[in-house]
PDB file of all heavy atoms in Angstrom:
ATOM      1  N   THR A   1      -8.422-130.299 172.113  1.00  0.00           N
ATOM      2  CA  THR A   1      -7.636-129.748 173.219  1.00  0.00           C
ATOM      3  C   THR A   1      -8.509-128.795 174.014  1.00  0.00           C
ATOM      4  O   THR A   1      -9.059-127.837 173.476  1.00  0.00           O
ATOM      5  CB  THR A   1      -6.389-129.019 172.708  1.00  0.00           C
ATOM      6  OG1 THR A   1      -5.599-129.926 171.931  1.00  0.00           O
ATOM      7  CG2 THR A   1      -5.564-128.489 173.864  1.00  0.00           C
ATOM      8  N   ASN A   2      -8.633-129.054 175.305  1.00  0.00           N
ATOM      9  CA  ASN A   2      -9.452-128.222 176.169  1.00  0.00           C
ATOM     10  C   ASN A   2      -8.732-126.931 176.541  1.00  0.00           C
ATOM     11  O   ASN A   2      -7.529-126.770 176.276  1.00  0.00           O
ATOM     12  CB  ASN A   2      -9.833-129.003 177.432  1.00  0.00           C
ATOM     13  CG  ASN A   2     -10.589-130.285 177.092  1.00  0.00           C
ATOM     14  OD1 ASN A   2     -11.521-130.274 176.310  1.00  0.00           O
ATOM     15  ND2 ASN A   2     -10.179-131.404 177.711  1.00  0.00           N
ATOM     16  N   SER A   3      -9.459-126.005 177.146  1.00  0.00           N
ATOM     17  CA  SER A   3      -8.887-124.706 177.516  1.00  0.00           C
ATOM     18  C   SER A   3      -7.738-124.830 178.510  1.00  0.00           C
ATOM     19  O   SER A   3      -6.845-123.977 178.546  1.00  0.00           O
ATOM     20  CB  SER A   3      -9.978-123.800 178.098  1.00  0.00           C
ATOM     21  OG  SER A   3     -10.601-124.431 179.231  1.00  0.00           O
ATOM     22  N   ASP A   4      -7.733-125.898 179.327  1.00  0.00           N
ATOM     23  CA  ASP A   4      -6.646-126.098 180.295  1.00  0.00           C
ATOM     24  C   ASP A   4      -5.469-126.867 179.717  1.00  0.00           C
ATOM     25  O   ASP A   4      -4.523-127.199 180.428  1.00  0.00           O
ATOM     26  CB  ASP A   4      -7.173-126.824 181.543  1.00  0.00           C
ATOM     27  CG  ASP A   4      -7.746-128.209 181.221  1.00  0.00           C
ATOM     28  OD1 ASP A   4      -7.741-128.603 180.007  1.00  0.00           O
ATOM     29  OD2 ASP A   4      -8.211-128.889 182.154  1.00  0.00           O
ATOM     30  N   GLY A   5      -5.521-127.172 178.399  1.00  0.00           N
ATOM     31  CA  GLY A   5      -4.429-127.877 177.745  1.00  0.00           C
ATOM     32  C   GLY A   5      -4.584-129.381 177.692  1.00  0.00           C
ATOM     33  O   GLY A   5      -3.791-130.057 177.030  1.00  0.00           O
ATOM     34  N   SER A   6      -5.559-129.924 178.378  1.00  0.00           N
ATOM     35  CA  SER A   6      -5.784-131.369 178.357  1.00  0.00           C
ATOM     36  C   SER A   6      -6.545-131.786 177.104  1.00  0.00           C
ATOM     37  O   SER A   6      -7.172-130.959 176.441  1.00  0.00           O
ATOM     38  CB  SER A   6      -6.564-131.797 179.595  1.00  0.00           C
ATOM     39  OG  SER A   6      -7.863-131.180 179.603  1.00  0.00           O
ATOM     40  N   ASP A   7      -6.464-133.061 176.797  1.00  0.00           N
ATOM     41  CA  ASP A   7      -7.144-133.607 175.627  1.00  0.00           C
ATOM     42  C   ASP A   7      -8.379-134.406 176.036  1.00  0.00           C
ATOM     43  O   ASP A   7      -8.424-135.007 177.120  1.00  0.00           O
ATOM     44  CB  ASP A   7      -6.212-134.514 174.823  1.00  0.00           C
ATOM     45  CG  ASP A   7      -5.067-133.754 174.191  1.00  0.00           C
ATOM     46  OD1 ASP A   7      -5.232-132.547 173.926  1.00  0.00           O
ATOM     47  OD2 ASP A   7      -3.998-134.370 173.961  1.00  0.00           O
ATOM     48  N   SER A   8      -9.335-134.422 175.133  1.00  0.00           N
ATOM     49  CA  SER A   8     -10.536-135.221 175.346  1.00  0.00           C
ATOM     50  C   SER A   8     -11.115-135.619 174.000  1.00  0.00           C
ATOM     51  O   SER A   8     -10.766-135.050 172.968  1.00  0.00           O
ATOM     52  CB  SER A   8     -11.573-134.456 176.176  1.00  0.00           C
ATOM     53  OG  SER A   8     -11.979-133.270 175.513  1.00  0.00           O
ATOM     54  N   ILE A   9     -11.998-136.602 174.020  1.00  0.00           N
ATOM     55  CA  ILE A   9     -12.659-137.057 172.793  1.00  0.00           C
ATOM     56  C   ILE A   9     -14.057-136.457 172.739  1.00  0.00           C
ATOM     57  O   ILE A   9     -14.809-136.512 173.706  1.00  0.00           O
ATOM     58  CB  ILE A   9     -12.726-138.595 172.738  1.00  0.00           C
ATOM     59  CG1 ILE A   9     -11.312-139.178 172.656  1.00  0.00           C
ATOM     60  CG2 ILE A   9     -13.539-139.050 171.521  1.00  0.00           C
ATOM     61  CD1 ILE A   9     -11.275-140.689 172.673  1.00  0.00           C
ATOM     62  N   ALA A  10     -14.386-135.886 171.585  1.00  0.00           N
ATOM     63  CA  ALA A  10     -15.690-135.253 171.405  1.00  0.00           C
ATOM     64  C   ALA A  10     -16.284-135.680 170.071  1.00  0.00           C
ATOM     65  O   ALA A  10     -15.578-136.087 169.153  1.00  0.00           O
ATOM     66  CB  ALA A  10     -15.572-133.733 171.478  1.00  0.00           C
ATOM     67  N   ILE A  11     -17.618-135.585 169.965  1.00  0.00           N
ATOM     68  CA  ILE A  11     -18.325-135.848 168.710  1.00  0.00           C
ATOM     69  C   ILE A  11     -18.497-134.524 167.980  1.00  0.00           C
ATOM     70  O   ILE A  11     -19.167-133.611 168.476  1.00  0.00           O
ATOM     71  CB  ILE A  11     -19.686-136.509 168.951  1.00  0.00           C
ATOM     72  CG1 ILE A  11     -19.542-137.791 169.772  1.00  0.00           C
ATOM     73  CG2 ILE A  11     -20.376-136.791 167.615  1.00  0.00           C
ATOM     74  CD1 ILE A  11     -18.702-138.855 169.103  1.00  0.00           C
ATOM     75  N   ARG A  12     -17.891-134.406 166.789  1.00  0.00           N
ATOM     76  CA  ARG A  12     -17.921-133.153 166.035  1.00  0.00           C
ATOM     77  C   ARG A  12     -18.270-133.426 164.576  1.00  0.00           C
ATOM     78  O   ARG A  12     -18.050-134.521 164.052  1.00  0.00           O
ATOM     79  CB  ARG A  12     -16.544-132.466 166.078  1.00  0.00           C
ATOM     80  CG  ARG A  12     -15.918-132.408 167.462  1.00  0.00           C
ATOM     81  CD  ARG A  12     -16.053-131.258 168.167  1.00  0.00           C
ATOM     82  NE  ARG A  12     -15.570-130.015 167.601  1.00  0.00           N
ATOM     83  CZ  ARG A  12     -15.583-128.869 168.269  1.00  0.00           C
ATOM     84  NH1 ARG A  12     -16.061-128.832 169.504  1.00  0.00           N
ATOM     85  NH2 ARG A  12     -15.133-127.760 167.723  1.00  0.00           N
ATOM     86  N   HIS A  13     -18.816-132.402 163.916  1.00  0.00           N
ATOM     87  CA  HIS A  13     -19.052-132.461 162.475  1.00  0.00           C
ATOM     88  C   HIS A  13     -17.739-132.171 161.745  1.00  0.00           C
ATOM     89  O   HIS A  13     -17.188-131.065 161.865  1.00  0.00           O
ATOM     90  CB  HIS A  13     -20.109-131.432 162.061  1.00  0.00           C
ATOM     91  CG  HIS A  13     -21.502-131.797 162.455  1.00  0.00           C
ATOM     92  ND1 HIS A  13     -21.998-131.549 163.720  1.00  0.00           N
ATOM     93  CD2 HIS A  13     -22.508-132.390 161.749  1.00  0.00           C
ATOM     94  CE1 HIS A  13     -23.255-131.963 163.786  1.00  0.00           C
ATOM     95  NE2 HIS A  13     -23.595-132.486 162.610  1.00  0.00           N
ATOM     96  N   THR A  14     -17.227-133.156 161.035  1.00  0.00           N
ATOM     97  CA  THR A  14     -15.965-132.976 160.322  1.00  0.00           C
ATOM     98  C   THR A  14     -16.101-133.472 158.872  1.00  0.00           C
ATOM     99  O   THR A  14     -17.012-134.235 158.540  1.00  0.00           O
ATOM    100  CB  THR A  14     -14.801-133.726 160.996  1.00  0.00           C
ATOM    101  OG1 THR A  14     -15.004-135.134 160.886  1.00  0.00           O
ATOM    102  CG2 THR A  14     -14.675-133.335 162.463  1.00  0.00           C
ATOM    103  N   GLY A  15     -15.163-133.038 158.056  1.00  0.00           N
ATOM    104  CA  GLY A  15     -15.141-133.467 156.660  1.00  0.00           C
ATOM    105  C   GLY A  15     -13.811-133.108 156.020  1.00  0.00           C
ATOM    106  O   GLY A  15     -13.040-132.295 156.546  1.00  0.00           O
ATOM    107  N   VAL A  16     -13.537-133.706 154.893  1.00  0.00           N
ATOM    108  CA  VAL A  16     -12.277-133.508 154.184  1.00  0.00           C
ATOM    109  C   VAL A  16     -12.483-132.548 153.011  1.00  0.00           C
ATOM    110  O   VAL A  16     -13.517-132.572 152.352  1.00  0.00           O
ATOM    111  CB  VAL A  16     -11.715-134.855 153.673  1.00  0.00           C
ATOM    112  CG1 VAL A  16     -10.462-134.643 152.822  1.00  0.00           C
ATOM    113  CG2 VAL A  16     -11.406-135.782 154.849  1.00  0.00           C
ATOM    114  N   LEU A  17     -11.494-131.691 152.775  1.00  0.00           N
ATOM    115  CA  LEU A  17     -11.418-130.887 151.562  1.00  0.00           C
ATOM    116  C   LEU A  17     -10.219-131.373 150.756  1.00  0.00           C
ATOM    117  O   LEU A  17      -9.114-131.470 151.283  1.00  0.00           O
ATOM    118  CB  LEU A  17     -11.262-129.401 151.877  1.00  0.00           C
ATOM    119  CG  LEU A  17     -12.476-128.674 152.459  1.00  0.00           C
ATOM    120  CD1 LEU A  17     -12.133-127.214 152.719  1.00  0.00           C
ATOM    121  CD2 LEU A  17     -13.683-128.761 151.525  1.00  0.00           C
ATOM    122  N   SER A  18     -10.447-131.690 149.466  1.00  0.00           N
ATOM    123  CA  SER A  18      -9.385-132.216 148.611  1.00  0.00           C
ATOM    124  C   SER A  18      -9.105-131.245 147.472  1.00  0.00           C
ATOM    125  O   SER A  18     -10.027-130.816 146.777  1.00  0.00           O
ATOM    126  CB  SER A  18      -9.783-133.579 148.031  1.00  0.00           C
ATOM    127  OG  SER A  18     -10.157-134.481 149.044  1.00  0.00           O
ATOM    128  N   LEU A  19      -7.843-130.921 147.278  1.00  0.00           N
ATOM    129  CA  LEU A  19      -7.433-130.025 146.204  1.00  0.00           C
ATOM    130  C   LEU A  19      -6.586-130.788 145.200  1.00  0.00           C
ATOM    131  O   LEU A  19      -5.533-131.330 145.543  1.00  0.00           O
ATOM    132  CB  LEU A  19      -6.641-128.840 146.749  1.00  0.00           C
ATOM    133  CG  LEU A  19      -6.242-127.775 145.716  1.00  0.00           C
ATOM    134  CD1 LEU A  19      -7.443-126.936 145.310  1.00  0.00           C
ATOM    135  CD2 LEU A  19      -5.132-126.870 146.261  1.00  0.00           C
ATOM    136  N   THR A  20      -7.066-130.872 143.956  1.00  0.00           N
ATOM    137  CA  THR A  20      -6.231-131.376 142.865  1.00  0.00           C
ATOM    138  C   THR A  20      -5.610-130.170 142.174  1.00  0.00           C
ATOM    139  O   THR A  20      -6.317-129.251 141.764  1.00  0.00           O
ATOM    140  CB  THR A  20      -7.057-132.187 141.855  1.00  0.00           C
ATOM    141  OG1 THR A  20      -7.677-133.302 142.515  1.00  0.00           O
ATOM    142  CG2 THR A  20      -6.156-132.718 140.751  1.00  0.00           C
ATOM    143  N   TRP A  21      -4.298-130.176 142.043  1.00  0.00           N
ATOM    144  CA  TRP A  21      -3.594-128.990 141.532  1.00  0.00           C
ATOM    145  C   TRP A  21      -2.520-129.383 140.524  1.00  0.00           C
ATOM    146  O   TRP A  21      -2.071-130.539 140.474  1.00  0.00           O
ATOM    147  CB  TRP A  21      -2.989-128.181 142.692  1.00  0.00           C
ATOM    148  CG  TRP A  21      -2.218-128.992 143.693  1.00  0.00           C
ATOM    149  CD1 TRP A  21      -2.726-129.752 144.723  1.00  0.00           C
ATOM    150  CD2 TRP A  21      -0.796-129.137 143.781  1.00  0.00           C
ATOM    151  NE1 TRP A  21      -1.705-130.354 145.430  1.00  0.00           N
ATOM    152  CE2 TRP A  21      -0.520-129.985 144.876  1.00  0.00           C
ATOM    153  CE3 TRP A  21       0.269-128.632 143.059  1.00  0.00           C
ATOM    154  CZ2 TRP A  21       0.770-130.340 145.255  1.00  0.00           C
ATOM    155  CZ3 TRP A  21       1.563-128.979 143.418  1.00  0.00           C
ATOM    156  CH2 TRP A  21       1.801-129.824 144.511  1.00  0.00           C
ATOM    157  N   ASP A  22      -2.102-128.421 139.731  1.00  0.00           N
ATOM    158  CA  ASP A  22      -1.140-128.628 138.650  1.00  0.00           C
ATOM    159  C   ASP A  22       0.266-128.345 139.168  1.00  0.00           C
ATOM    160  O   ASP A  22       0.622-127.187 139.426  1.00  0.00           O
ATOM    161  CB  ASP A  22      -1.480-127.712 137.473  1.00  0.00           C
ATOM    162  CG  ASP A  22      -0.692-128.037 136.217  1.00  0.00           C
ATOM    163  OD1 ASP A  22       0.329-128.742 136.302  1.00  0.00           O
ATOM    164  OD2 ASP A  22      -1.087-127.555 135.127  1.00  0.00           O
ATOM    165  N   HIS A  23       1.059-129.408 139.291  1.00  0.00           N
ATOM    166  CA  HIS A  23       2.409-129.267 139.857  1.00  0.00           C
ATOM    167  C   HIS A  23       3.348-128.501 138.928  1.00  0.00           C
ATOM    168  O   HIS A  23       4.433-128.095 139.317  1.00  0.00           O
ATOM    169  CB  HIS A  23       2.985-130.647 140.159  1.00  0.00           C
ATOM    170  CG  HIS A  23       3.948-130.665 141.308  1.00  0.00           C
ATOM    171  ND1 HIS A  23       4.771-129.593 141.638  1.00  0.00           N
ATOM    172  CD2 HIS A  23       4.242-131.626 142.228  1.00  0.00           C
ATOM    173  CE1 HIS A  23       5.491-129.887 142.692  1.00  0.00           C
ATOM    174  NE2 HIS A  23       5.207-131.099 143.072  1.00  0.00           N
ATOM    175  N   ARG A  24       2.965-128.280 137.683  1.00  0.00           N
ATOM    176  CA  ARG A  24       3.761-127.442 136.782  1.00  0.00           C
ATOM    177  C   ARG A  24       3.734-125.983 137.233  1.00  0.00           C
ATOM    178  O   ARG A  24       4.684-125.226 136.956  1.00  0.00           O
ATOM    179  CB  ARG A  24       3.236-127.512 135.354  1.00  0.00           C
ATOM    180  CG  ARG A  24       3.209-128.882 134.713  1.00  0.00           C
ATOM    181  CD  ARG A  24       2.583-128.778 133.314  1.00  0.00           C
ATOM    182  NE  ARG A  24       1.297-128.108 133.386  1.00  0.00           N
ATOM    183  CZ  ARG A  24       0.699-127.493 132.349  1.00  0.00           C
ATOM    184  NH1 ARG A  24       1.284-127.471 131.177  1.00  0.00           N
ATOM    185  NH2 ARG A  24      -0.485-126.899 132.520  1.00  0.00           N
ATOM    186  N   VAL A  25       2.637-125.586 137.901  1.00  0.00           N
ATOM    187  CA  VAL A  25       2.379-124.173 138.187  1.00  0.00           C
ATOM    188  C   VAL A  25       2.863-123.764 139.574  1.00  0.00           C
ATOM    189  O   VAL A  25       3.422-122.683 139.759  1.00  0.00           O
ATOM    190  CB  VAL A  25       0.874-123.865 138.042  1.00  0.00           C
ATOM    191  CG1 VAL A  25       0.610-122.374 138.199  1.00  0.00           C
ATOM    192  CG2 VAL A  25       0.356-124.364 136.694  1.00  0.00           C
ATOM    193  N   PHE A  26       2.631-124.610 140.577  1.00  0.00           N
ATOM    194  CA  PHE A  26       3.097-124.306 141.931  1.00  0.00           C
ATOM    195  C   PHE A  26       3.386-125.608 142.667  1.00  0.00           C
ATOM    196  O   PHE A  26       3.160-126.710 142.146  1.00  0.00           O
ATOM    197  CB  PHE A  26       2.095-123.431 142.703  1.00  0.00           C
ATOM    198  CG  PHE A  26       0.683-123.968 142.767  1.00  0.00           C
ATOM    199  CD1 PHE A  26       0.300-124.860 143.751  1.00  0.00           C
ATOM    200  CD2 PHE A  26      -0.267-123.565 141.853  1.00  0.00           C
ATOM    201  CE1 PHE A  26      -0.993-125.332 143.823  1.00  0.00           C
ATOM    202  CE2 PHE A  26      -1.580-124.041 141.900  1.00  0.00           C
ATOM    203  CZ  PHE A  26      -1.947-124.919 142.896  1.00  0.00           C
ATOM    204  N   ASP A  27       3.884-125.476 143.881  1.00  0.00           N
ATOM    205  CA  ASP A  27       4.336-126.631 144.651  1.00  0.00           C
ATOM    206  C   ASP A  27       3.415-126.910 145.831  1.00  0.00           C
ATOM    207  O   ASP A  27       2.472-126.174 146.108  1.00  0.00           O
ATOM    208  CB  ASP A  27       5.777-126.412 145.134  1.00  0.00           C
ATOM    209  CG  ASP A  27       6.735-126.145 143.979  1.00  0.00           C
ATOM    210  OD1 ASP A  27       6.628-126.844 142.951  1.00  0.00           O
ATOM    211  OD2 ASP A  27       7.576-125.222 144.101  1.00  0.00           O
ATOM    212  N   GLY A  28       3.753-128.000 146.551  1.00  0.00           N
ATOM    213  CA  GLY A  28       2.899-128.448 147.641  1.00  0.00           C
ATOM    214  C   GLY A  28       2.707-127.436 148.752  1.00  0.00           C
ATOM    215  O   GLY A  28       1.668-127.421 149.419  1.00  0.00           O
ATOM    216  N   SER A  29       3.698-126.582 148.986  1.00  0.00           N
ATOM    217  CA  SER A  29       3.577-125.588 150.056  1.00  0.00           C
ATOM    218  C   SER A  29       2.414-124.640 149.806  1.00  0.00           C
ATOM    219  O   SER A  29       1.634-124.327 150.719  1.00  0.00           O
ATOM    220  CB  SER A  29       4.889-124.806 150.205  1.00  0.00           C
ATOM    221  OG  SER A  29       5.226-124.153 148.971  1.00  0.00           O
ATOM    222  N   ILE A  30       2.287-124.173 148.552  1.00  0.00           N
ATOM    223  CA  ILE A  30       1.175-123.277 148.220  1.00  0.00           C
ATOM    224  C   ILE A  30      -0.150-124.019 148.313  1.00  0.00           C
ATOM    225  O   ILE A  30      -1.146-123.473 148.822  1.00  0.00           O
ATOM    226  CB  ILE A  30       1.364-122.676 146.809  1.00  0.00           C
ATOM    227  CG1 ILE A  30       2.528-121.689 146.814  1.00  0.00           C
ATOM    228  CG2 ILE A  30       0.088-121.984 146.339  1.00  0.00           C
ATOM    229  CD1 ILE A  30       2.780-121.013 145.479  1.00  0.00           C
ATOM    230  N   ALA A  31      -0.193-125.263 147.859  1.00  0.00           N
ATOM    231  CA  ALA A  31      -1.416-126.050 147.940  1.00  0.00           C
ATOM    232  C   ALA A  31      -1.881-126.195 149.384  1.00  0.00           C
ATOM    233  O   ALA A  31      -3.067-126.025 149.697  1.00  0.00           O
ATOM    234  CB  ALA A  31      -1.205-127.425 147.309  1.00  0.00           C
ATOM    235  N   LEU A  32      -0.949-126.495 150.298  1.00  0.00           N
ATOM    236  CA  LEU A  32      -1.306-126.672 151.704  1.00  0.00           C
ATOM    237  C   LEU A  32      -1.651-125.351 152.382  1.00  0.00           C
ATOM    238  O   LEU A  32      -2.572-125.288 153.207  1.00  0.00           O
ATOM    239  CB  LEU A  32      -0.168-127.371 152.443  1.00  0.00           C
ATOM    240  CG  LEU A  32      -0.110-128.888 152.204  1.00  0.00           C
ATOM    241  CD1 LEU A  32       1.214-129.464 152.669  1.00  0.00           C
ATOM    242  CD2 LEU A  32      -1.278-129.571 152.911  1.00  0.00           C
ATOM    243  N   LEU A  33      -0.916-124.293 152.063  1.00  0.00           N
ATOM    244  CA  LEU A  33      -1.249-122.985 152.622  1.00  0.00           C
ATOM    245  C   LEU A  33      -2.637-122.542 152.174  1.00  0.00           C
ATOM    246  O   LEU A  33      -3.409-121.975 152.950  1.00  0.00           O
ATOM    247  CB  LEU A  33      -0.197-121.957 152.205  1.00  0.00           C
ATOM    248  CG  LEU A  33       1.176-122.079 152.894  1.00  0.00           C
ATOM    249  CD1 LEU A  33       2.198-121.189 152.199  1.00  0.00           C
ATOM    250  CD2 LEU A  33       1.073-121.707 154.380  1.00  0.00           C
ATOM    251  N   PHE A  34      -2.948-122.803 150.910  1.00  0.00           N
ATOM    252  CA  PHE A  34      -4.255-122.467 150.353  1.00  0.00           C
ATOM    253  C   PHE A  34      -5.365-123.240 151.067  1.00  0.00           C
ATOM    254  O   PHE A  34      -6.376-122.659 151.499  1.00  0.00           O
ATOM    255  CB  PHE A  34      -4.255-122.777 148.852  1.00  0.00           C
ATOM    256  CG  PHE A  34      -5.565-122.532 148.163  1.00  0.00           C
ATOM    257  CD1 PHE A  34      -5.938-121.255 147.781  1.00  0.00           C
ATOM    258  CD2 PHE A  34      -6.430-123.584 147.887  1.00  0.00           C
ATOM    259  CE1 PHE A  34      -7.157-121.024 147.128  1.00  0.00           C
ATOM    260  CE2 PHE A  34      -7.634-123.370 147.234  1.00  0.00           C
ATOM    261  CZ  PHE A  34      -7.999-122.087 146.862  1.00  0.00           C
ATOM    262  N   LEU A  35      -5.188-124.546 151.227  1.00  0.00           N
ATOM    263  CA  LEU A  35      -6.191-125.371 151.889  1.00  0.00           C
ATOM    264  C   LEU A  35      -6.365-124.996 153.356  1.00  0.00           C
ATOM    265  O   LEU A  35      -7.488-124.943 153.873  1.00  0.00           O
ATOM    266  CB  LEU A  35      -5.813-126.850 151.776  1.00  0.00           C
ATOM    267  CG  LEU A  35      -6.164-127.553 150.460  1.00  0.00           C
ATOM    268  CD1 LEU A  35      -5.573-128.954 150.444  1.00  0.00           C
ATOM    269  CD2 LEU A  35      -7.672-127.619 150.257  1.00  0.00           C
ATOM    270  N   ASN A  36      -5.260-124.742 154.041  1.00  0.00           N
ATOM    271  CA  ASN A  36      -5.349-124.386 155.458  1.00  0.00           C
ATOM    272  C   ASN A  36      -5.972-123.005 155.661  1.00  0.00           C
ATOM    273  O   ASN A  36      -6.594-122.756 156.701  1.00  0.00           O
ATOM    274  CB  ASN A  36      -3.970-124.453 156.102  1.00  0.00           C
ATOM    275  CG  ASN A  36      -3.580-125.885 156.477  1.00  0.00           C
ATOM    276  OD1 ASN A  36      -4.214-126.509 157.317  1.00  0.00           O
ATOM    277  ND2 ASN A  36      -2.543-126.410 155.829  1.00  0.00           N
TER     278      ASN A  36
END
């Protein structure tokens, strides 16, 4: 998203972060808040 609110396609360095977590201890909301 550009500064004027429009969208464009760009070449960027990106990658995925994966979290394996124990659902006995906490729920998906905490997992996603933690990752974000």
